[in-house]
Amino acid sequence: MMEKMSEETIEEVRVLEAQIEQLQAEVEDLQQQQQDNHKDISFNFRGHMQDAMSYICGQKHGAEKEKVLSGLKEEVEEMEEDLKLQTRMNGISLKSCTKTLKKSEKKLVQQLCVSGVCSDLVFQMEFLLSAVKKDEQLKKTISDLNVVIDASDLQPFSSFLSGVEESRDLLLFFRTLRTFSDRCKDRLRTFQHFQEKYPSVVSLPAGSGSEVMTLNHPELPGCVLILHWSVEVCREGGVTPKMELLTKIPEKALKLFPSQAVGGAAEAFQSLLRVLGPEAAIEAVIMAVSLSPDT
């Protein structure tokens, strides 16, 4: 009987020893994870931010509190100033939100939603950002990109947006959006300038932000020259202003200019564009339309 109890006791001891070894292995794994997490924190947070994390974790006390918080506040203010400077330089204001979909030791997948404004153009994009760690290097890739622009006329962007979503080239998108916005601002300033300078000749039926400006002869009602100034965007991101001069002249008015080739105004305007540039070419047409321009 004693021998049987001894065997049972020995077996229980062996089971307990195995459990202790398993618990020790789990403790070692947890300690290793803690060390890895500490390394990640040390890698991702530097300077004042690292001090702040140490303070939160209880590693800093007393007089160091104010120093840590003050340094962190300065760093945040510097980042805000940098963001304002970048916004002024780029003309693009951004807001974003992030949702983590998958996280492991070697891979991080996040869903990003970025919205912003460039001039009067409002845009929004969603995409997946994958960060994979391999051989101590972090490789980031973008997938499932979807871009939406809130504009009254999306025709100039339709082909370009399709190309951006395929190539996932965010830099190309922002650079093209900024260039397109700048060309539209050039048109807006030019239209407003000539409307203010020649109010009896120049009119903007759809507003100064539209593509159309009309020129009316003060003494010839019904005779209209229509300037159509569009800004085209190709699939590769090239932005090209395109200007055309169209004529709307009644038959009775054409009889008043028997010796002038009024029908060739469009071709003549293109020649002026090539030689003088947009502003000077428009001014020349206005001076030709109105024999007594506004002063």
Protein backbone atom coordinates (compact mmCIF):
# COMPACT_ATOMS: atom_id res chain seq x y z
CA MET A 1 0.00 0.00 0.00
CA MET A 2 2.82 2.39 0.91
CA GLU A 3 4.59 1.55 -2.34
CA LYS A 4 1.43 2.37 -4.32
CA MET A 5 1.02 5.73 -2.54
CA SER A 6 4.66 6.54 -3.20
CA GLU A 7 4.21 5.89 -6.90
CA GLU A 8 1.09 8.10 -6.97
CA THR A 9 2.98 10.86 -5.11
CA ILE A 10 5.91 10.64 -7.52
CA GLU A 11 3.51 10.90 -10.47
CA GLU A 12 1.82 13.96 -8.96
CA VAL A 13 5.21 15.57 -8.44
CA ARG A 14 6.10 14.95 -12.06
CA VAL A 15 2.83 16.52 -13.19
CA LEU A 16 3.45 19.53 -10.97
CA GLU A 17 7.01 19.89 -12.26
CA ALA A 18 5.71 19.83 -15.86
CA GLN A 19 3.16 22.49 -15.01
CA ILE A 20 5.85 24.61 -13.36
CA GLU A 21 8.06 24.31 -16.45
CA GLN A 22 5.14 25.35 -18.66
CA LEU A 23 4.41 28.33 -16.43
CA GLN A 24 8.07 29.34 -16.48
CA ALA A 25 8.04 29.17 -20.30
CA GLU A 26 4.93 31.37 -20.41
CA VAL A 27 6.55 33.86 -18.03
CA GLU A 28 9.63 34.01 -20.25
CA ASP A 29 7.41 34.62 -23.29
CA LEU A 30 5.60 37.45 -21.50
CA GLN A 31 8.88 38.98 -20.40
CA GLN A 32 10.15 38.84 -23.98
CA GLN A 33 6.94 40.48 -25.24
CA GLN A 34 7.33 43.20 -22.63
CA GLN A 35 10.89 43.84 -23.76
CA ASP A 36 9.78 43.94 -27.41
CA ASN A 37 7.00 46.39 -26.58
CA HIS A 38 9.44 48.58 -24.69
CA LYS A 39 11.77 48.55 -27.70
CA ASP A 40 8.88 49.53 -29.99
CA ILE A 41 7.95 52.40 -27.69
CA SER A 42 11.57 53.53 -27.53
CA PHE A 43 11.81 53.35 -31.31
CA ASN A 44 8.56 55.19 -32.05
CA PHE A 45 8.82 57.90 -29.42
CA ARG A 46 11.81 60.16 -29.13
CA GLY A 47 12.71 63.23 -27.16
CA HIS A 48 9.87 64.84 -25.25
CA MET A 49 7.39 62.19 -26.35
CA GLN A 50 9.51 59.41 -24.87
CA ASP A 51 9.83 61.39 -21.62
CA ALA A 52 6.06 61.79 -21.53
CA MET A 53 5.53 58.04 -21.93
CA SER A 54 8.03 57.42 -19.14
CA TYR A 55 6.17 59.88 -16.95
CA ILE A 56 2.85 58.18 -17.64
CA CYS A 57 4.39 54.81 -16.81
CA GLY A 58 5.51 56.19 -13.47
CA GLN A 59 9.22 56.33 -14.24
CA LYS A 60 9.48 60.08 -13.71
CA HIS A 61 8.33 61.97 -10.63
CA GLY A 62 8.46 65.28 -8.85
CA ALA A 63 10.25 68.19 -10.48
CA GLU A 64 10.58 66.39 -13.82
CA LYS A 65 6.80 66.56 -14.33
CA GLU A 66 6.68 70.19 -15.43
CA LYS A 67 9.74 69.77 -17.63
CA VAL A 68 8.25 66.78 -19.44
CA LEU A 69 4.85 68.40 -19.98
CA SER A 70 6.41 71.69 -21.08
CA GLY A 71 8.65 69.93 -23.57
CA LEU A 72 5.75 67.90 -24.93
CA LYS A 73 3.65 71.06 -25.35
CA GLU A 74 6.46 72.77 -27.25
CA GLU A 75 6.82 69.79 -29.56
CA VAL A 76 3.08 69.72 -30.30
CA GLU A 77 3.10 73.46 -31.01
CA GLU A 78 6.05 73.02 -33.39
CA MET A 79 4.18 70.25 -35.21
CA GLU A 80 1.09 72.47 -35.51
CA GLU A 81 3.18 75.31 -36.94
CA ASP A 82 4.80 72.91 -39.43
CA LEU A 83 1.34 71.72 -40.49
CA LYS A 84 0.13 75.31 -40.99
CA LEU A 85 3.25 76.12 -43.02
CA GLN A 86 2.77 73.06 -45.22
CA THR A 87 -0.89 73.99 -45.73
CA ARG A 88 0.06 77.52 -46.82
CA MET A 89 2.78 76.23 -49.15
CA ASN A 90 0.77 73.39 -50.70
CA GLY A 91 -2.63 75.05 -50.66
CA ILE A 92 -4.12 71.79 -49.38
CA SER A 93 -5.78 71.32 -45.99
CA LEU A 94 -6.05 67.71 -44.82
CA LYS A 95 -7.99 65.78 -42.22
CA SER A 96 -7.72 62.05 -41.68
CA CYS A 97 -8.95 59.16 -39.61
CA THR A 98 -7.39 55.73 -39.20
CA LYS A 99 -8.79 52.30 -38.37
CA THR A 100 -6.52 49.34 -37.62
CA LEU A 101 -7.73 46.19 -39.35
CA LYS A 102 -4.88 43.76 -38.64
CA LYS A 103 -1.90 43.91 -36.32
CA SER A 104 0.81 41.37 -35.69
CA GLU A 105 4.50 41.31 -34.90
CA LYS A 106 5.47 41.62 -38.57
CA LYS A 107 2.44 43.17 -40.29
CA LEU A 108 0.15 46.14 -39.73
CA VAL A 109 -2.86 46.86 -41.95
CA GLN A 110 -4.74 50.15 -41.51
CA GLN A 111 -7.71 51.67 -43.30
CA LEU A 112 -7.24 55.39 -43.86
CA CYS A 113 -9.86 57.95 -44.78
CA VAL A 114 -8.38 61.30 -45.84
CA SER A 115 -10.52 64.34 -46.62
CA GLY A 116 -9.36 67.80 -47.54
CA VAL A 117 -9.79 71.01 -49.46
CA CYS A 118 -7.67 72.48 -52.22
CA SER A 119 -8.94 75.93 -53.10
CA ASP A 120 -12.66 75.31 -53.73
CA LEU A 121 -12.20 71.62 -54.51
CA VAL A 122 -13.30 69.19 -51.79
CA PHE A 123 -11.95 65.66 -52.02
CA GLN A 124 -11.99 62.43 -50.07
CA MET A 125 -9.97 59.25 -50.43
CA GLU A 126 -9.96 55.87 -48.77
CA PHE A 127 -7.22 53.25 -48.97
CA LEU A 128 -5.51 50.42 -47.12
CA LEU A 129 -1.98 50.99 -45.84
CA SER A 130 0.01 47.81 -45.19
CA ALA A 131 3.31 47.90 -43.32
CA VAL A 132 5.34 44.68 -43.43
CA LYS A 133 8.57 44.23 -41.51
CA LYS A 134 11.16 42.09 -43.28
CA ASP A 135 14.86 41.82 -42.50
CA GLU A 136 14.67 44.78 -40.11
CA GLN A 137 13.17 46.93 -42.89
CA LEU A 138 9.63 48.29 -42.99
CA LYS A 139 7.91 48.17 -46.39
CA LYS A 140 4.69 50.13 -46.85
CA THR A 141 2.20 49.57 -49.67
CA ILE A 142 -1.13 51.16 -50.64
CA SER A 143 -4.09 49.17 -51.95
CA ASP A 144 -7.83 49.58 -52.61
CA LEU A 145 -7.54 53.30 -53.33
CA ASN A 146 -10.80 55.14 -53.96
CA VAL A 147 -10.87 58.90 -54.68
CA VAL A 148 -13.93 61.18 -54.82
CA ILE A 149 -13.89 64.87 -55.79
CA ASP A 150 -16.83 67.13 -55.03
CA ALA A 151 -16.98 69.34 -58.12
CA SER A 152 -19.77 70.60 -60.35
CA ASP A 153 -18.00 69.24 -63.43
CA LEU A 154 -15.98 66.06 -62.98
CA GLN A 155 -15.35 65.57 -66.71
CA PRO A 156 -11.75 66.91 -66.57
CA PHE A 157 -10.96 64.47 -63.76
CA SER A 158 -12.75 61.28 -64.82
CA SER A 159 -9.88 59.70 -66.75
CA PHE A 160 -7.23 61.03 -64.35
CA LEU A 161 -8.96 59.65 -61.25
CA SER A 162 -9.23 56.21 -62.86
CA GLY A 163 -5.49 56.26 -63.55
CA VAL A 164 -4.63 57.37 -60.00
CA GLU A 165 -6.77 54.62 -58.47
CA GLU A 166 -4.97 52.05 -60.62
CA SER A 167 -1.44 53.36 -59.98
CA ARG A 168 -2.15 54.31 -56.32
CA ASP A 169 0.12 57.32 -56.82
CA LEU A 170 -0.95 59.74 -54.07
CA LEU A 171 1.87 62.17 -54.83
CA LEU A 172 0.66 62.49 -58.42
CA PHE A 173 -2.89 63.12 -57.22
CA PHE A 174 -1.95 65.95 -54.85
CA ARG A 175 0.48 67.55 -57.32
CA THR A 176 -2.09 67.47 -60.14
CA LEU A 177 -4.87 68.75 -57.89
CA ARG A 178 -2.71 71.71 -56.85
CA THR A 179 -1.73 72.51 -60.46
CA PHE A 180 -5.37 72.28 -61.61
CA SER A 181 -6.41 74.59 -58.79
CA ASP A 182 -3.70 77.11 -59.72
CA ARG A 183 -4.78 77.17 -63.39
CA CYS A 184 -8.42 77.72 -62.34
CA LYS A 185 -7.31 80.60 -60.12
CA ASP A 186 -5.45 82.14 -63.07
CA ARG A 187 -8.66 82.03 -65.10
CA LEU A 188 -10.71 83.48 -62.24
CA ARG A 189 -8.33 86.43 -61.74
CA THR A 190 -8.20 87.13 -65.48
CA PHE A 191 -11.97 87.09 -65.91
CA GLN A 192 -12.50 89.35 -62.89
CA HIS A 193 -9.82 91.77 -64.08
CA PHE A 194 -11.38 92.27 -67.50
CA GLN A 195 -14.92 92.48 -66.15
CA GLU A 196 -13.86 95.28 -63.80
CA LYS A 197 -11.85 97.05 -66.50
CA TYR A 198 -14.45 96.78 -69.30
CA PRO A 199 -17.86 96.38 -67.59
CA SER A 200 -19.87 97.45 -70.64
CA VAL A 201 -18.16 94.87 -72.85
CA VAL A 202 -17.32 91.89 -70.63
CA SER A 203 -19.90 89.76 -68.86
CA LEU A 204 -19.67 86.47 -66.97
CA PRO A 205 -23.05 84.72 -67.37
CA ALA A 206 -22.24 81.85 -65.00
CA GLY A 207 -20.01 83.79 -62.59
CA SER A 208 -16.30 84.49 -62.44
CA GLY A 209 -15.52 80.89 -61.53
CA SER A 210 -17.02 79.46 -64.72
CA GLU A 211 -15.34 78.64 -68.03
CA VAL A 212 -17.20 81.23 -70.13
CA MET A 213 -16.72 84.97 -70.68
CA THR A 214 -18.75 86.88 -73.25
CA LEU A 215 -17.82 90.06 -75.14
CA ASN A 216 -20.64 92.30 -76.32
CA HIS A 217 -20.31 95.29 -78.65
CA PRO A 218 -22.05 98.23 -76.93
CA GLU A 219 -23.60 99.46 -80.19
CA LEU A 220 -24.31 96.09 -81.82
CA PRO A 221 -26.83 94.13 -79.75
CA GLY A 222 -26.85 90.44 -80.61
CA CYS A 223 -23.21 90.41 -81.65
CA VAL A 224 -21.39 88.28 -79.09
CA LEU A 225 -17.95 86.76 -78.88
CA ILE A 226 -17.76 83.84 -76.47
CA LEU A 227 -14.46 82.96 -74.84
CA HIS A 228 -14.39 79.38 -73.54
CA TRP A 229 -11.45 78.74 -71.20
CA SER A 230 -11.29 75.16 -69.95
CA VAL A 231 -8.63 73.37 -67.91
CA GLU A 232 -8.08 69.79 -69.04
CA VAL A 233 -6.42 67.00 -67.05
CA CYS A 234 -4.99 63.98 -68.86
CA ARG A 235 -4.74 60.48 -67.44
CA GLU A 236 -1.02 60.93 -66.68
CA GLY A 237 -1.70 64.08 -64.61
CA GLY A 238 -0.81 66.74 -67.16
CA VAL A 239 -2.83 69.96 -66.73
CA THR A 240 -3.45 71.99 -69.88
CA PRO A 241 -5.47 75.22 -70.22
CA LYS A 242 -7.45 75.38 -73.46
CA MET A 243 -8.96 78.61 -74.83
CA GLU A 244 -11.37 78.98 -77.75
CA LEU A 245 -13.11 82.04 -79.19
CA LEU A 246 -16.58 81.45 -80.63
CA THR A 247 -18.69 83.96 -82.54
CA LYS A 248 -22.40 84.65 -82.39
CA ILE A 249 -23.19 87.31 -84.98
CA PRO A 250 -26.59 87.79 -86.72
CA GLU A 251 -26.77 87.92 -90.52
CA LYS A 252 -27.68 91.61 -90.42
CA ALA A 253 -24.53 92.42 -88.50
CA LEU A 254 -22.35 90.47 -90.92
CA LYS A 255 -23.53 92.77 -93.71
CA LEU A 256 -22.01 95.72 -91.83
CA PHE A 257 -18.53 94.19 -92.20
CA PRO A 258 -18.41 93.11 -95.85
CA SER A 259 -14.65 93.55 -96.08
CA GLN A 260 -13.74 91.86 -92.77
CA ALA A 261 -13.37 88.14 -92.26
CA VAL A 262 -15.42 87.91 -89.08
CA GLY A 263 -15.70 84.17 -89.51
CA GLY A 264 -11.95 83.82 -89.04
CA ALA A 265 -11.97 85.32 -85.54
CA ALA A 266 -11.34 81.94 -83.91
CA GLU A 267 -8.21 81.26 -85.96
CA ALA A 268 -6.96 84.82 -85.45
CA PHE A 269 -7.41 84.49 -81.72
CA GLN A 270 -5.31 81.30 -81.63
CA SER A 271 -2.55 83.15 -83.45
CA LEU A 272 -2.72 85.95 -80.88
CA LEU A 273 -2.51 83.39 -78.08
CA ARG A 274 0.66 81.90 -79.46
CA VAL A 275 2.29 85.30 -79.93
CA LEU A 276 1.00 87.40 -77.01
CA GLY A 277 -0.21 84.96 -74.35
CA PRO A 278 -3.71 84.73 -72.78
CA GLU A 279 -4.10 88.16 -71.11
CA ALA A 280 -2.72 90.22 -73.99
CA ALA A 281 -4.71 88.19 -76.55
CA ILE A 282 -7.97 88.74 -74.66
CA GLU A 283 -7.19 92.45 -74.31
CA ALA A 284 -6.59 92.70 -78.06
CA VAL A 285 -9.94 91.07 -78.80
CA ILE A 286 -11.74 93.38 -76.36
CA MET A 287 -10.15 96.44 -77.95
CA ALA A 288 -11.26 95.19 -81.38
CA VAL A 289 -14.81 94.57 -80.21
CA SER A 290 -15.26 97.94 -78.51
CA LEU A 291 -14.14 101.01 -80.43
CA SER A 292 -14.77 103.08 -77.30
CA PRO A 293 -13.55 100.95 -74.37
CA ASP A 294 -14.34 101.85 -70.79
CA THR A 295 -11.77 103.95 -69.00
